[in-house]
Amino acid sequence: MLAGGFAMAAWGSTRTTVDLDLAVDEEARPRLLPLLAAAGFEAFFDGEGFTNLQHPDEEMGRLDIMWVEGSTSERLFRAAIQRPGPDGTSLLVPSPGHLIAMKVRAIQSRPSRALRDAPDLHFLLRLPGVEENEVRGYFARAGLLELHDRLRRE
């Protein structure tokens, strides 16, 4: 399913992005990576949880894959929502709550992302249906309650 900037756009955000982020079940990795390599994508990072690929054709660009597994994958895909894309094509995207969880995790892993991801979090926190107690828990477990509270006040 889409993640990152394109998933944000599917929810109505206007943030621009230069890469395509996907959330993919880990079980697909051994089948998907050879297909992407055959299509010309080259992995410049392939580690636990993430693979970053680049295509030599600039129009094909960069592809970032977040691998999810087990119960996390089940919850993420079960709660995924179909949203209309730019040409009316139906796109599978994470729920706003799960996008919040992904962004909080990214900030926890790399605190410098807070500046870039805070506007996205601000937007997502205001979407209808976001369960406040659930998302506050994401921030709390990441040690980012101060960020949550600041975003809620703004």
C-alpha atoms as a PDB file:
ATOM      1  CA  MET A   1       0.000   0.000   0.000  1.00  0.00           C
ATOM      2  CA  LEU A   2       1.047   3.610  -0.404  1.00  0.00           C
ATOM      3  CA  ALA A   3       2.789   5.327   2.478  1.00  0.00           C
ATOM      4  CA  GLY A   4       4.647   8.620   2.908  1.00  0.00           C
ATOM      5  CA  GLY A   5       3.836  11.677   0.823  1.00  0.00           C
ATOM      6  CA  PHE A   6       1.548   9.925  -1.645  1.00  0.00           C
ATOM      7  CA  ALA A   7      -0.544   8.466   1.189  1.00  0.00           C
ATOM      8  CA  MET A   8      -0.694  11.956   2.697  1.00  0.00           C
ATOM      9  CA  ALA A   9      -1.934  13.293  -0.651  1.00  0.00           C
ATOM     10  CA  ALA A  10      -4.612  10.591  -0.744  1.00  0.00           C
ATOM     11  CA  TRP A  11      -5.876  11.983   2.585  1.00  0.00           C
ATOM     12  CA  GLY A  12      -5.921  15.553   1.210  1.00  0.00           C
ATOM     13  CA  SER A  13      -2.537  16.927   2.239  1.00  0.00           C
ATOM     14  CA  THR A  14      -0.715  19.122  -0.241  1.00  0.00           C
ATOM     15  CA  ARG A  15       2.827  18.179   0.797  1.00  0.00           C
ATOM     16  CA  THR A  16       5.082  17.429  -2.158  1.00  0.00           C
ATOM     17  CA  THR A  17       7.375  14.418  -2.291  1.00  0.00           C
ATOM     18  CA  VAL A  18      10.068  13.173  -4.621  1.00  0.00           C
ATOM     19  CA  ASP A  19       9.966   9.459  -3.825  1.00  0.00           C
ATOM     20  CA  LEU A  20       7.387   6.706  -3.628  1.00  0.00           C
ATOM     21  CA  ASP A  21       6.990   5.059  -0.232  1.00  0.00           C
ATOM     22  CA  LEU A  22       5.289   1.691   0.070  1.00  0.00           C
ATOM     23  CA  ALA A  23       4.333  -0.481   3.016  1.00  0.00           C
ATOM     24  CA  VAL A  24       4.694  -4.146   1.995  1.00  0.00           C
ATOM     25  CA  ASP A  25       4.271  -7.393   3.907  1.00  0.00           C
ATOM     26  CA  GLU A  26       7.701  -8.887   4.670  1.00  0.00           C
ATOM     27  CA  GLU A  27       6.657 -12.215   3.137  1.00  0.00           C
ATOM     28  CA  ALA A  28       6.635 -10.529  -0.298  1.00  0.00           C
ATOM     29  CA  ARG A  29      10.310  -9.442  -0.065  1.00  0.00           C
ATOM     30  CA  PRO A  30      11.892 -12.513  -1.738  1.00  0.00           C
ATOM     31  CA  ARG A  31       9.489 -12.224  -4.687  1.00  0.00           C
ATOM     32  CA  LEU A  32       9.281  -8.438  -4.998  1.00  0.00           C
ATOM     33  CA  LEU A  33      12.947  -7.419  -4.868  1.00  0.00           C
ATOM     34  CA  PRO A  34      13.975  -9.551  -7.893  1.00  0.00           C
ATOM     35  CA  LEU A  35      11.050  -8.105  -9.869  1.00  0.00           C
ATOM     36  CA  LEU A  36      12.133  -4.574  -9.037  1.00  0.00           C
ATOM     37  CA  ALA A  37      15.753  -5.405  -9.947  1.00  0.00           C
ATOM     38  CA  ALA A  38      14.560  -6.800 -13.288  1.00  0.00           C
ATOM     39  CA  ALA A  39      12.725  -3.505 -13.846  1.00  0.00           C
ATOM     40  CA  GLY A  40      16.031  -1.643 -13.351  1.00  0.00           C
ATOM     41  CA  PHE A  41      15.787  -0.598  -9.693  1.00  0.00           C
ATOM     42  CA  GLU A  42      19.010  -0.852  -7.709  1.00  0.00           C
ATOM     43  CA  ALA A  43      18.980  -1.219  -3.935  1.00  0.00           C
ATOM     44  CA  PHE A  44      21.289   1.252  -2.217  1.00  0.00           C
ATOM     45  CA  PHE A  45      20.107   0.151   1.238  1.00  0.00           C
ATOM     46  CA  ASP A  46      18.513  -3.155   2.196  1.00  0.00           C
ATOM     47  CA  GLY A  47      18.216  -3.726   5.910  1.00  0.00           C
ATOM     48  CA  GLU A  48      15.842  -4.910   8.555  1.00  0.00           C
ATOM     49  CA  GLY A  49      12.530  -3.194   8.002  1.00  0.00           C
ATOM     50  CA  PHE A  50      13.522  -0.992   5.038  1.00  0.00           C
ATOM     51  CA  THR A  51      14.779  -1.158   1.478  1.00  0.00           C
ATOM     52  CA  ASN A  52      15.660   1.958  -0.522  1.00  0.00           C
ATOM     53  CA  LEU A  53      15.926   1.645  -4.293  1.00  0.00           C
ATOM     54  CA  GLN A  54      16.834   3.992  -7.102  1.00  0.00           C
ATOM     55  CA  HIS A  55      16.170   3.640 -10.813  1.00  0.00           C
ATOM     56  CA  PRO A  56      18.785   4.999 -13.238  1.00  0.00           C
ATOM     57  CA  ASP A  57      15.971   6.634 -15.227  1.00  0.00           C
ATOM     58  CA  GLU A  58      15.203   9.812 -13.260  1.00  0.00           C
ATOM     59  CA  GLU A  59      11.549   9.619 -14.270  1.00  0.00           C
ATOM     60  CA  MET A  60      11.261   6.282 -12.455  1.00  0.00           C
ATOM     61  CA  GLY A  61      12.953   7.817  -9.420  1.00  0.00           C
ATOM     62  CA  ARG A  62      13.381   6.500  -5.921  1.00  0.00           C
ATOM     63  CA  LEU A  63      11.362   3.799  -4.192  1.00  0.00           C
ATOM     64  CA  ASP A  64      11.370   3.307  -0.419  1.00  0.00           C
ATOM     65  CA  ILE A  65       9.842   0.131   0.979  1.00  0.00           C
ATOM     66  CA  MET A  66       8.893  -0.321   4.612  1.00  0.00           C
ATOM     67  CA  TRP A  67       8.581  -4.052   5.332  1.00  0.00           C
ATOM     68  CA  VAL A  68       5.960  -5.012   7.910  1.00  0.00           C
ATOM     69  CA  GLU A  69       5.376  -8.450   9.340  1.00  0.00           C
ATOM     70  CA  GLY A  70       3.234 -10.554  11.604  1.00  0.00           C
ATOM     71  CA  SER A  71       0.537  -8.942  13.694  1.00  0.00           C
ATOM     72  CA  THR A  72       1.727  -5.450  12.686  1.00  0.00           C
ATOM     73  CA  SER A  73       1.146  -6.302   9.038  1.00  0.00           C
ATOM     74  CA  GLU A  74      -2.242  -7.831   9.800  1.00  0.00           C
ATOM     75  CA  ARG A  75      -3.407  -4.741  11.735  1.00  0.00           C
ATOM     76  CA  LEU A  76      -2.026  -2.323   9.147  1.00  0.00           C
ATOM     77  CA  PHE A  77      -3.592  -4.013   6.126  1.00  0.00           C
ATOM     78  CA  ARG A  78      -6.881  -4.818   7.904  1.00  0.00           C
ATOM     79  CA  ALA A  79      -7.343  -1.120   8.726  1.00  0.00           C
ATOM     80  CA  ALA A  80      -6.153   0.125   5.313  1.00  0.00           C
ATOM     81  CA  ILE A  81      -8.580   2.270   3.366  1.00  0.00           C
ATOM     82  CA  GLN A  82      -9.226   2.682  -0.351  1.00  0.00           C
ATOM     83  CA  ARG A  83      -8.922   6.342  -1.383  1.00  0.00           C
ATOM     84  CA  PRO A  84      -9.369   7.895  -4.833  1.00  0.00           C
ATOM     85  CA  GLY A  85      -6.132   8.718  -6.629  1.00  0.00           C
ATOM     86  CA  PRO A  86      -5.517  11.641  -8.981  1.00  0.00           C
ATOM     87  CA  ASP A  87      -7.035   9.864 -11.978  1.00  0.00           C
ATOM     88  CA  GLY A  88      -9.831   8.215  -9.999  1.00  0.00           C
ATOM     89  CA  THR A  89      -7.901   4.975  -9.522  1.00  0.00           C
ATOM     90  CA  SER A  90      -8.518   3.445  -6.117  1.00  0.00           C
ATOM     91  CA  LEU A  91      -5.412   3.512  -3.911  1.00  0.00           C
ATOM     92  CA  LEU A  92      -4.826   1.473  -0.764  1.00  0.00           C
ATOM     93  CA  VAL A  93      -3.469   3.690   2.022  1.00  0.00           C
ATOM     94  CA  PRO A  94      -2.923   3.315   5.759  1.00  0.00           C
ATOM     95  CA  SER A  95      -5.550   4.708   8.099  1.00  0.00           C
ATOM     96  CA  PRO A  96      -4.691   8.160   9.449  1.00  0.00           C
ATOM     97  CA  GLY A  97      -3.896   6.579  12.826  1.00  0.00           C
ATOM     98  CA  HIS A  98      -1.434   4.174  11.261  1.00  0.00           C
ATOM     99  CA  LEU A  99       0.189   6.971   9.250  1.00  0.00           C
ATOM    100  CA  ILE A 100       0.617   8.828  12.536  1.00  0.00           C
ATOM    101  CA  ALA A 101       2.228   5.725  14.074  1.00  0.00           C
ATOM    102  CA  MET A 102       4.652   5.465  11.115  1.00  0.00           C
ATOM    103  CA  LYS A 103       5.660   9.104  11.353  1.00  0.00           C
ATOM    104  CA  VAL A 104       6.091   8.967  15.131  1.00  0.00           C
ATOM    105  CA  ARG A 105       8.295   5.883  14.729  1.00  0.00           C
ATOM    106  CA  ALA A 106      10.353   7.676  12.059  1.00  0.00           C
ATOM    107  CA  ILE A 107      10.884  10.666  14.368  1.00  0.00           C
ATOM    108  CA  GLN A 108      11.809   8.353  17.241  1.00  0.00           C
ATOM    109  CA  SER A 109      14.425   6.685  15.016  1.00  0.00           C
ATOM    110  CA  ARG A 110      15.727   9.957  13.592  1.00  0.00           C
ATOM    111  CA  PRO A 111      14.753  13.014  15.687  1.00  0.00           C
ATOM    112  CA  SER A 112      15.822  15.390  12.901  1.00  0.00           C
ATOM    113  CA  ARG A 113      12.695  14.254  11.004  1.00  0.00           C
ATOM    114  CA  ALA A 114      10.466  16.074  13.509  1.00  0.00           C
ATOM    115  CA  LEU A 115      10.736  19.339  11.599  1.00  0.00           C
ATOM    116  CA  ARG A 116       9.738  17.685   8.304  1.00  0.00           C
ATOM    117  CA  ASP A 117       7.038  15.393   9.705  1.00  0.00           C
ATOM    118  CA  ALA A 118       5.389  17.772  12.201  1.00  0.00           C
ATOM    119  CA  PRO A 119       3.169  19.440   9.560  1.00  0.00           C
ATOM    120  CA  ASP A 120       2.007  15.997   8.390  1.00  0.00           C
ATOM    121  CA  LEU A 121       1.232  14.977  11.954  1.00  0.00           C
ATOM    122  CA  HIS A 122      -0.599  18.249  12.536  1.00  0.00           C
ATOM    123  CA  PHE A 123      -2.753  17.532   9.460  1.00  0.00           C
ATOM    124  CA  LEU A 124      -3.387  13.870  10.325  1.00  0.00           C
ATOM    125  CA  LEU A 125      -4.333  14.582  13.953  1.00  0.00           C
ATOM    126  CA  ARG A 126      -7.243  16.695  12.697  1.00  0.00           C
ATOM    127  CA  LEU A 127      -8.761  14.129  10.335  1.00  0.00           C
ATOM    128  CA  PRO A 128     -12.136  12.705  11.338  1.00  0.00           C
ATOM    129  CA  GLY A 129     -12.056   9.319  13.017  1.00  0.00           C
ATOM    130  CA  VAL A 130      -8.563   9.584  14.506  1.00  0.00           C
ATOM    131  CA  GLU A 131      -8.722   7.910  17.921  1.00  0.00           C
ATOM    132  CA  GLU A 132      -7.028  10.376  20.285  1.00  0.00           C
ATOM    133  CA  ASN A 133      -6.156   7.895  23.036  1.00  0.00           C
ATOM    134  CA  GLU A 134      -4.609   5.495  20.524  1.00  0.00           C
ATOM    135  CA  VAL A 135      -2.417   8.085  18.795  1.00  0.00           C
ATOM    136  CA  ARG A 136      -1.428   9.735  22.062  1.00  0.00           C
ATOM    137  CA  GLY A 137      -0.167   6.300  23.082  1.00  0.00           C
ATOM    138  CA  TYR A 138       2.074   6.176  19.990  1.00  0.00           C
ATOM    139  CA  PHE A 139       3.670   9.464  21.005  1.00  0.00           C
ATOM    140  CA  ALA A 140       3.978   8.356  24.643  1.00  0.00           C
ATOM    141  CA  ARG A 141       5.708   5.062  23.797  1.00  0.00           C
ATOM    142  CA  ALA A 142       8.146   6.974  21.579  1.00  0.00           C
ATOM    143  CA  GLY A 143       8.911   9.517  24.307  1.00  0.00           C
ATOM    144  CA  LEU A 144       7.327  12.268  22.211  1.00  0.00           C
ATOM    145  CA  LEU A 145       4.363  13.398  24.329  1.00  0.00           C
ATOM    146  CA  GLU A 146       5.628  16.971  24.299  1.00  0.00           C
ATOM    147  CA  LEU A 147       5.443  16.953  20.485  1.00  0.00           C
ATOM    148  CA  HIS A 148       1.926  15.499  20.599  1.00  0.00           C
ATOM    149  CA  ASP A 149       0.726  18.138  23.037  1.00  0.00           C
ATOM    150  CA  ARG A 150       2.307  20.963  21.033  1.00  0.00           C
ATOM    151  CA  LEU A 151       0.713  19.716  17.795  1.00  0.00           C
ATOM    152  CA  ARG A 152      -2.689  19.470  19.517  1.00  0.00           C
ATOM    153  CA  ARG A 153      -2.417  23.049  20.821  1.00  0.00           C
ATOM    154  CA  GLU A 154      -1.509  24.530  17.420  1.00  0.00           C
END
